[in-house]
Amino acid sequence: MKPRTIEELHKYVGSIVKVEFKHGKIEQGKLGFTKEFSEKYGYRRPGYFTINDTDFKLSHIVSLEVEVPWEQLQPLI
C-alpha cells in the first residue's frame, strides 16, 4: 500500500514497517517522525519521517508494509 496523506502515514509511527523508496532502496525498521531540528532527535530533518538512519518525506515512498503495528509493541498493563 502507499499512504496518500501525511495524516495516514502518521498512523503508522511507532510501528515496524518495510518501506520501498522511489530510488529502489528498501528500509525495514521502526517508523519515526521528527517535529524539530534538535539534539533530541539526533539533528534529524524537521518534518521528515525516519527509519534507521534514513530521513524521508511522504512523496519518496513507493510502498509501505506494516510488519508489526505499534499497538503490539506496547507493553501490556
N, C-alpha and C. Protein backbone atom coordinates (compact mmCIF):
# COMPACT_ATOMS: atom_id res chain seq x y z
N MET A 1 0.84 -1.18 0.00
CA MET A 1 0.00 0.00 0.00
C MET A 1 0.88 1.24 0.00
N LYS A 2 0.35 2.32 -0.47
CA LYS A 2 1.07 3.59 -0.45
C LYS A 2 0.21 4.61 0.29
N PRO A 3 0.71 5.12 1.43
CA PRO A 3 -0.04 6.17 2.14
C PRO A 3 -0.21 7.39 1.23
N ARG A 4 -1.40 7.97 1.23
CA ARG A 4 -1.68 9.11 0.34
C ARG A 4 -1.54 10.45 1.04
N THR A 5 -1.66 10.46 2.37
CA THR A 5 -1.57 11.73 3.10
C THR A 5 -0.60 11.58 4.28
N ILE A 6 -0.11 12.71 4.76
CA ILE A 6 0.77 12.70 5.93
C ILE A 6 0.03 12.15 7.14
N GLU A 7 -1.25 12.50 7.27
CA GLU A 7 -2.05 12.01 8.39
C GLU A 7 -2.14 10.49 8.37
N GLU A 8 -2.30 9.93 7.19
CA GLU A 8 -2.38 8.47 7.06
C GLU A 8 -1.04 7.83 7.45
N LEU A 9 0.06 8.42 7.03
CA LEU A 9 1.38 7.89 7.37
C LEU A 9 1.66 8.03 8.87
N HIS A 10 1.18 9.10 9.49
CA HIS A 10 1.35 9.30 10.93
C HIS A 10 0.72 8.17 11.74
N LYS A 11 -0.30 7.52 11.22
CA LYS A 11 -0.96 6.42 11.93
C LYS A 11 0.00 5.25 12.18
N TYR A 12 1.05 5.16 11.38
CA TYR A 12 1.98 4.04 11.47
C TYR A 12 3.25 4.36 12.26
N VAL A 13 3.39 5.59 12.74
CA VAL A 13 4.56 5.97 13.53
C VAL A 13 4.62 5.08 14.76
N GLY A 14 5.79 4.51 15.01
CA GLY A 14 5.98 3.59 16.13
C GLY A 14 5.86 2.14 15.74
N SER A 15 5.34 1.87 14.54
CA SER A 15 5.21 0.50 14.04
C SER A 15 6.49 0.06 13.34
N ILE A 16 6.68 -1.25 13.28
CA ILE A 16 7.78 -1.80 12.48
C ILE A 16 7.23 -1.92 11.06
N VAL A 17 7.89 -1.25 10.12
CA VAL A 17 7.42 -1.21 8.74
C VAL A 17 8.54 -1.55 7.76
N LYS A 18 8.13 -1.87 6.56
CA LYS A 18 9.06 -2.07 5.45
C LYS A 18 8.65 -1.07 4.38
N VAL A 19 9.57 -0.19 4.00
CA VAL A 19 9.27 0.88 3.05
C VAL A 19 10.16 0.75 1.82
N GLU A 20 9.53 0.85 0.65
CA GLU A 20 10.27 0.90 -0.60
C GLU A 20 10.22 2.34 -1.09
N PHE A 21 11.40 2.87 -1.46
CA PHE A 21 11.51 4.26 -1.90
C PHE A 21 11.62 4.33 -3.43
N LYS A 22 11.38 5.51 -3.97
CA LYS A 22 11.41 5.74 -5.42
C LYS A 22 12.72 5.30 -6.06
N HIS A 23 13.82 5.50 -5.39
CA HIS A 23 15.13 5.18 -5.96
C HIS A 23 15.49 3.70 -5.80
N GLY A 24 14.53 2.86 -5.32
CA GLY A 24 14.75 1.43 -5.24
C GLY A 24 15.23 0.91 -3.89
N LYS A 25 15.61 1.80 -3.00
CA LYS A 25 16.08 1.39 -1.68
C LYS A 25 14.91 0.88 -0.85
N ILE A 26 15.16 -0.16 -0.05
CA ILE A 26 14.16 -0.70 0.86
C ILE A 26 14.72 -0.63 2.27
N GLU A 27 13.93 -0.10 3.20
CA GLU A 27 14.32 0.01 4.61
C GLU A 27 13.27 -0.71 5.45
N GLN A 28 13.73 -1.37 6.49
CA GLN A 28 12.84 -2.04 7.43
C GLN A 28 13.24 -1.60 8.84
N GLY A 29 12.25 -1.20 9.64
CA GLY A 29 12.52 -0.78 11.00
C GLY A 29 11.35 -0.01 11.57
N LYS A 30 11.60 0.63 12.71
CA LYS A 30 10.55 1.39 13.39
C LYS A 30 10.40 2.75 12.72
N LEU A 31 9.16 3.08 12.35
CA LEU A 31 8.87 4.36 11.71
C LEU A 31 8.81 5.45 12.76
N GLY A 32 9.56 6.51 12.53
CA GLY A 32 9.57 7.65 13.45
C GLY A 32 9.25 8.94 12.72
N PHE A 33 9.10 10.02 13.49
CA PHE A 33 8.80 11.32 12.92
C PHE A 33 9.50 12.39 13.76
N THR A 34 10.17 13.33 13.12
CA THR A 34 10.85 14.40 13.84
C THR A 34 10.05 15.68 13.72
N LYS A 35 9.76 16.29 14.86
CA LYS A 35 9.00 17.54 14.88
C LYS A 35 9.89 18.77 14.85
N GLU A 36 11.12 18.61 15.28
CA GLU A 36 12.01 19.76 15.33
C GLU A 36 13.44 19.33 15.06
N PHE A 37 14.26 20.29 14.70
CA PHE A 37 15.67 20.04 14.41
C PHE A 37 16.44 20.28 15.69
N SER A 38 16.78 19.21 16.39
CA SER A 38 17.43 19.38 17.67
C SER A 38 18.28 18.17 18.03
N GLU A 39 19.06 18.31 19.06
CA GLU A 39 19.89 17.22 19.54
C GLU A 39 19.02 16.06 20.01
N LYS A 40 17.83 16.38 20.52
CA LYS A 40 16.91 15.35 20.99
C LYS A 40 16.64 14.32 19.89
N TYR A 41 16.58 14.75 18.65
CA TYR A 41 16.31 13.85 17.53
C TYR A 41 17.57 13.54 16.73
N GLY A 42 18.73 13.73 17.33
CA GLY A 42 19.97 13.42 16.63
C GLY A 42 20.21 14.31 15.42
N TYR A 43 19.76 15.55 15.50
CA TYR A 43 19.90 16.52 14.41
C TYR A 43 19.28 16.02 13.12
N ARG A 44 18.12 15.36 13.24
CA ARG A 44 17.39 14.88 12.07
C ARG A 44 16.65 16.04 11.42
N ARG A 45 16.20 15.86 10.22
CA ARG A 45 15.49 16.90 9.49
C ARG A 45 14.09 17.10 10.07
N PRO A 46 13.70 18.34 10.31
CA PRO A 46 12.37 18.59 10.86
C PRO A 46 11.28 18.26 9.85
N GLY A 47 10.20 17.67 10.33
CA GLY A 47 9.07 17.38 9.46
C GLY A 47 9.26 16.17 8.57
N TYR A 48 10.33 15.43 8.77
CA TYR A 48 10.59 14.23 7.97
C TYR A 48 10.27 12.99 8.80
N PHE A 49 9.93 11.92 8.13
CA PHE A 49 9.78 10.62 8.76
C PHE A 49 11.15 9.94 8.75
N THR A 50 11.34 8.98 9.64
CA THR A 50 12.64 8.31 9.74
C THR A 50 12.47 6.81 9.89
N ILE A 51 13.43 6.09 9.35
CA ILE A 51 13.62 4.66 9.60
C ILE A 51 15.13 4.47 9.66
N ASN A 52 15.60 3.93 10.77
CA ASN A 52 17.03 3.74 10.97
C ASN A 52 17.75 5.08 10.77
N ASP A 53 18.64 5.17 9.81
CA ASP A 53 19.36 6.43 9.56
C ASP A 53 18.86 7.14 8.30
N THR A 54 17.67 6.79 7.85
CA THR A 54 17.11 7.37 6.63
C THR A 54 15.99 8.35 6.98
N ASP A 55 16.10 9.57 6.50
CA ASP A 55 15.06 10.59 6.64
C ASP A 55 14.36 10.71 5.29
N PHE A 56 13.04 10.84 5.30
CA PHE A 56 12.31 10.90 4.03
C PHE A 56 10.97 11.60 4.20
N LYS A 57 10.42 12.02 3.08
CA LYS A 57 9.09 12.62 3.02
C LYS A 57 8.11 11.60 2.44
N LEU A 58 6.84 11.88 2.61
CA LEU A 58 5.78 11.02 2.07
C LEU A 58 5.97 10.80 0.57
N SER A 59 6.37 11.83 -0.15
CA SER A 59 6.50 11.75 -1.60
C SER A 59 7.60 10.79 -2.06
N HIS A 60 8.49 10.39 -1.16
CA HIS A 60 9.58 9.47 -1.52
C HIS A 60 9.15 8.01 -1.50
N ILE A 61 7.97 7.71 -0.94
CA ILE A 61 7.53 6.34 -0.73
C ILE A 61 6.83 5.77 -1.96
N VAL A 62 7.23 4.55 -2.34
CA VAL A 62 6.55 3.80 -3.39
C VAL A 62 5.54 2.87 -2.74
N SER A 63 5.97 2.18 -1.65
CA SER A 63 5.04 1.30 -0.94
C SER A 63 5.47 1.17 0.52
N LEU A 64 4.50 0.84 1.36
CA LEU A 64 4.73 0.67 2.79
C LEU A 64 3.97 -0.57 3.24
N GLU A 65 4.66 -1.41 4.00
CA GLU A 65 4.05 -2.63 4.54
C GLU A 65 4.25 -2.62 6.05
N VAL A 66 3.18 -2.72 6.80
CA VAL A 66 3.27 -2.75 8.26
C VAL A 66 3.53 -4.20 8.66
N GLU A 67 4.67 -4.42 9.35
CA GLU A 67 5.03 -5.76 9.78
C GLU A 67 4.58 -6.02 11.21
N VAL A 68 4.75 -5.03 12.10
CA VAL A 68 4.28 -5.14 13.48
C VAL A 68 3.66 -3.80 13.87
N PRO A 69 2.33 -3.75 14.06
CA PRO A 69 1.68 -2.50 14.45
C PRO A 69 2.19 -2.03 15.81
N TRP A 70 2.20 -0.72 16.04
CA TRP A 70 2.73 -0.17 17.29
C TRP A 70 1.96 -0.69 18.49
N GLU A 71 0.68 -0.99 18.31
CA GLU A 71 -0.13 -1.49 19.43
C GLU A 71 0.44 -2.79 19.99
N GLN A 72 0.99 -3.63 19.11
CA GLN A 72 1.57 -4.90 19.53
C GLN A 72 2.93 -4.71 20.21
N LEU A 73 3.55 -3.58 19.99
CA LEU A 73 4.86 -3.30 20.59
C LEU A 73 4.74 -2.71 21.99
N GLN A 74 3.54 -2.23 22.36
CA GLN A 74 3.33 -1.61 23.66
C GLN A 74 3.25 -2.68 24.75
N PRO A 75 3.85 -2.44 25.90
CA PRO A 75 3.75 -3.41 26.99
C PRO A 75 2.32 -3.51 27.51
N LEU A 76 1.94 -4.68 27.90
CA LEU A 76 0.60 -4.88 28.45
C LEU A 76 0.53 -4.32 29.85
N ILE A 77 -0.55 -3.64 30.17
CA ILE A 77 -0.72 -3.04 31.50
C ILE A 77 -1.72 -3.86 32.30
